[in-house]
């Protein structure tokens, strides 16, 4: 078997001993993430009102657009540098990403003020919460490219799964509370955005420090 593997490596000119394990763990992690995302999508569509669900998706869409401020290409640079043995690059790259997330927070503040002035209080509240919590989500997620560069694919898949399960539980609690209490749109949207950001942000804080 080893001879076949070596022959394949010479033929394809790649290190299959590294690619095979990484592919397995990435596939396992992706499968679990997809399953959790599907369950969450069903719960959102089933138990949230159309208005709250629409505004919630609108907030997430704008967060995704504003994410350009977090300089996403730095994550790739961290992975490449760590893989080449320059582990110290992680600290500098993480700092730049975190500072970029503050820019995303500033844009969220401007959005909150705009919606407040147009008397759309649910969206104003949602973006005010985003401005406060978004650095935890976007600014401290650099542990993932670090683990990629360190070839710690099993550890990354394990931590991603823990993070996604925590996020799923927090979101399910928020959805359940909104559904059973018939919460008004202002409170419902604020709770959903808070659960989304904290569900992603708290694991990021823990794994970033580790």
Protein backbone atom coordinates (compact mmCIF):
# COMPACT_ATOMS: atom_id res chain seq x y z
CA UNK A 1 0.00 0.00 0.00
CA UNK A 2 2.85 2.36 0.86
CA UNK A 3 4.47 1.68 -2.52
CA UNK A 4 1.22 2.50 -4.32
CA UNK A 5 0.90 5.72 -2.31
CA UNK A 6 4.48 6.73 -3.11
CA UNK A 7 3.98 5.98 -6.80
CA UNK A 8 0.80 8.07 -6.85
CA UNK A 9 2.63 10.92 -5.11
CA UNK A 10 5.38 10.85 -7.74
CA UNK A 11 2.84 10.73 -10.56
CA UNK A 12 0.59 13.55 -9.28
CA UNK A 13 3.49 15.46 -7.64
CA UNK A 14 1.55 16.03 -4.43
CA UNK A 15 1.93 14.90 -0.82
CA UNK A 16 -0.99 12.47 -0.49
CA UNK A 17 -0.04 11.62 3.10
CA UNK A 18 -1.16 15.13 4.08
CA UNK A 19 -4.01 15.54 1.60
CA UNK A 20 -5.84 12.33 2.52
CA UNK A 21 -6.24 12.96 6.28
CA UNK A 22 -7.12 16.63 5.74
CA UNK A 23 -9.77 15.71 3.16
CA UNK A 24 -11.36 13.17 5.50
CA UNK A 25 -11.65 15.57 8.42
CA UNK A 26 -12.80 18.45 6.22
CA UNK A 27 -15.49 16.21 4.74
CA UNK A 28 -16.69 15.05 8.16
CA UNK A 29 -16.80 18.62 9.46
CA UNK A 30 -18.60 19.88 6.36
CA UNK A 31 -21.20 17.11 6.57
CA UNK A 32 -22.01 17.91 10.20
CA UNK A 33 -22.12 21.66 9.48
CA UNK A 34 -24.49 21.14 6.54
CA UNK A 35 -26.83 18.99 8.63
CA UNK A 36 -26.99 21.54 11.45
CA UNK A 37 -27.52 24.39 8.99
CA UNK A 38 -30.41 22.50 7.37
CA UNK A 39 -32.13 21.91 10.72
CA UNK A 40 -31.70 25.56 11.66
CA UNK A 41 -33.09 26.74 8.31
CA UNK A 42 -36.19 24.57 8.80
CA UNK A 43 -36.73 25.94 12.32
CA UNK A 44 -36.33 29.54 11.14
CA UNK A 45 -38.82 29.13 8.32
CA UNK A 46 -41.30 27.18 10.44
CA UNK A 47 -41.43 29.16 13.68
CA UNK A 48 -40.55 32.78 12.83
CA UNK A 49 -43.01 35.22 11.32
CA UNK A 50 -42.37 36.35 7.76
CA UNK A 51 -41.48 39.89 8.85
CA UNK A 52 -38.98 38.85 11.51
CA UNK A 53 -37.42 36.19 9.29
CA UNK A 54 -37.11 38.61 6.36
CA UNK A 55 -35.50 41.33 8.45
CA UNK A 56 -33.19 38.79 10.10
CA UNK A 57 -31.96 37.58 6.71
CA UNK A 58 -31.60 41.20 5.59
CA UNK A 59 -29.33 41.99 8.56
CA UNK A 60 -27.17 38.92 7.87
CA UNK A 61 -26.91 39.85 4.19
CA UNK A 62 -25.64 43.34 5.01
CA UNK A 63 -23.19 41.89 7.55
CA UNK A 64 -21.86 39.66 4.77
CA UNK A 65 -21.46 42.64 2.42
CA UNK A 66 -19.81 44.80 5.07
CA UNK A 67 -17.46 41.89 5.86
CA UNK A 68 -15.03 43.27 3.27
CA UNK A 69 -13.77 45.57 6.03
CA UNK A 70 -12.37 42.58 7.91
CA UNK A 71 -9.81 41.97 5.14
CA UNK A 72 -10.72 38.29 4.52
CA UNK A 73 -7.60 37.63 2.42
CA UNK A 74 -5.45 37.95 5.56
CA UNK A 75 -6.78 34.56 6.66
CA UNK A 76 -5.17 33.00 3.59
CA UNK A 77 -1.91 34.78 4.39
CA UNK A 78 -1.99 33.40 7.95
CA UNK A 79 -2.48 29.86 6.65
CA UNK A 80 0.39 30.11 4.17
CA UNK A 81 2.79 31.74 6.65
CA UNK A 82 2.06 29.28 9.46
CA UNK A 83 2.48 26.37 7.03
CA UNK A 84 5.95 27.70 6.19
CA UNK A 85 6.93 27.84 9.85
CA UNK A 86 6.22 31.49 10.60
CA UNK A 87 3.73 30.88 13.42
CA UNK A 88 4.24 34.39 14.79
CA UNK A 89 2.40 35.77 11.75
CA UNK A 90 -0.81 34.64 13.44
CA UNK A 91 -0.65 37.40 16.06
CA UNK A 92 -0.05 40.18 13.54
CA UNK A 93 -2.67 38.88 11.11
CA UNK A 94 -5.22 38.42 13.90
CA UNK A 95 -4.62 42.02 15.01
CA UNK A 96 -5.28 43.35 11.50
CA UNK A 97 -8.46 41.29 11.20
CA UNK A 98 -9.69 42.49 14.59
CA UNK A 99 -9.02 46.13 13.70
CA UNK A 100 -10.86 45.57 10.42
CA UNK A 101 -13.84 44.21 12.35
CA UNK A 102 -14.00 47.51 14.22
CA UNK A 103 -14.52 49.17 10.83
CA UNK A 104 -17.41 46.77 10.27
CA UNK A 105 -18.75 47.84 13.65
CA UNK A 106 -18.58 51.50 12.62
CA UNK A 107 -20.58 50.78 9.47
CA UNK A 108 -23.12 48.99 11.65
CA UNK A 109 -23.39 52.08 13.85
CA UNK A 110 -24.09 54.22 10.78
CA UNK A 111 -26.72 51.71 9.65
CA UNK A 112 -28.34 51.77 13.09
CA UNK A 113 -28.53 55.56 13.02
CA UNK A 114 -30.01 55.51 9.53
CA UNK A 115 -32.77 53.07 10.44
CA UNK A 116 -33.44 54.95 13.66
CA UNK A 117 -33.91 58.17 11.68
CA UNK A 118 -36.29 56.40 9.28
CA UNK A 119 -38.26 55.11 12.30
CA UNK A 120 -37.41 51.45 11.67
CA UNK A 121 -36.67 50.55 15.28
CA UNK A 122 -36.27 46.76 14.83
CA UNK A 123 -33.47 47.19 12.26
CA UNK A 124 -31.94 50.07 14.22
CA UNK A 125 -31.76 47.86 17.30
CA UNK A 126 -30.40 44.91 15.30
CA UNK A 127 -27.53 46.94 13.84
CA UNK A 128 -26.73 48.52 17.20
CA UNK A 129 -26.31 45.01 18.62
CA UNK A 130 -24.24 44.06 15.57
CA UNK A 131 -21.90 47.01 16.13
CA UNK A 132 -21.31 45.84 19.70
CA UNK A 133 -20.80 42.11 19.09
CA UNK A 134 -19.42 41.78 15.55
CA UNK A 135 -15.72 41.98 16.60
CA UNK A 136 -16.22 38.69 18.46
CA UNK A 137 -17.48 37.01 15.29
CA UNK A 138 -15.31 38.48 12.53
CA UNK A 139 -12.34 39.73 14.56
CA UNK A 140 -11.54 36.57 16.51
CA UNK A 141 -12.18 33.89 13.90
CA UNK A 142 -8.53 33.76 12.80
CA UNK A 143 -7.95 30.54 14.77
CA UNK A 144 -9.35 28.62 11.78
CA UNK A 145 -6.67 29.64 9.22
CA UNK A 146 -4.05 29.12 11.94
CA UNK A 147 -5.14 25.50 12.41
CA UNK A 148 -5.21 25.05 8.62
CA UNK A 149 -1.63 26.24 8.38
CA UNK A 150 -0.63 24.01 11.32
CA UNK A 151 -2.25 21.03 9.56
CA UNK A 152 -4.43 20.49 12.62
CA UNK A 153 -7.39 19.46 10.49
CA UNK A 154 -8.87 17.09 13.06
CA UNK A 155 -8.72 19.77 15.75
CA UNK A 156 -10.30 22.33 13.43
CA UNK A 157 -13.15 19.97 12.51
CA UNK A 158 -13.73 19.15 16.18
CA UNK A 159 -13.79 22.78 17.25
CA UNK A 160 -15.95 23.80 14.31
CA UNK A 161 -18.46 21.14 15.30
CA UNK A 162 -18.52 22.32 18.92
CA UNK A 163 -18.94 25.91 17.74
CA UNK A 164 -21.80 25.01 15.41
CA UNK A 165 -23.61 22.92 18.03
CA UNK A 166 -23.36 25.78 20.53
CA UNK A 167 -24.65 28.18 17.89
CA UNK A 168 -27.49 25.79 17.04
CA UNK A 169 -28.56 25.43 20.68
CA UNK A 170 -28.52 29.19 21.28
CA UNK A 171 -30.52 29.87 18.11
CA UNK A 172 -33.03 27.12 18.97
CA UNK A 173 -33.56 28.65 22.42
CA UNK A 174 -34.15 32.07 20.87
CA UNK A 175 -36.59 30.70 18.28
CA UNK A 176 -38.45 28.70 20.92
CA UNK A 177 -38.79 31.70 23.22
CA UNK A 178 -40.03 33.95 20.40
CA UNK A 179 -42.54 31.35 19.22
CA UNK A 180 -43.97 30.50 22.65
CA UNK A 181 -44.10 34.08 23.97
CA UNK A 182 -45.32 35.71 20.74
CA UNK A 183 -42.58 38.32 21.14
CA UNK A 184 -43.07 41.64 19.29
CA UNK A 185 -40.92 42.24 16.16
CA UNK A 186 -38.50 44.64 17.89
CA UNK A 187 -37.63 42.18 20.65
CA UNK A 188 -37.74 39.14 18.35
CA UNK A 189 -35.29 40.55 15.80
CA UNK A 190 -32.93 41.83 18.51
CA UNK A 191 -32.96 38.41 20.19
CA UNK A 192 -32.29 36.57 16.93
CA UNK A 193 -29.37 38.81 15.97
CA UNK A 194 -27.93 38.55 19.51
CA UNK A 195 -28.20 34.75 19.45
CA UNK A 196 -26.54 34.58 16.04
CA UNK A 197 -23.62 36.81 17.02
CA UNK A 198 -23.07 35.31 20.48
CA UNK A 199 -23.49 31.79 19.13
CA UNK A 200 -20.55 32.41 16.80
CA UNK A 201 -18.64 34.87 18.97
CA UNK A 202 -18.33 33.02 22.29
CA UNK A 203 -16.67 29.91 20.77
CA UNK A 204 -14.37 32.24 18.80
CA UNK A 205 -13.19 33.92 22.00
CA UNK A 206 -12.48 30.55 23.65
CA UNK A 207 -10.70 28.94 20.68
CA UNK A 208 -8.80 32.12 19.81
CA UNK A 209 -7.34 32.27 23.33
CA UNK A 210 -6.48 28.55 23.24
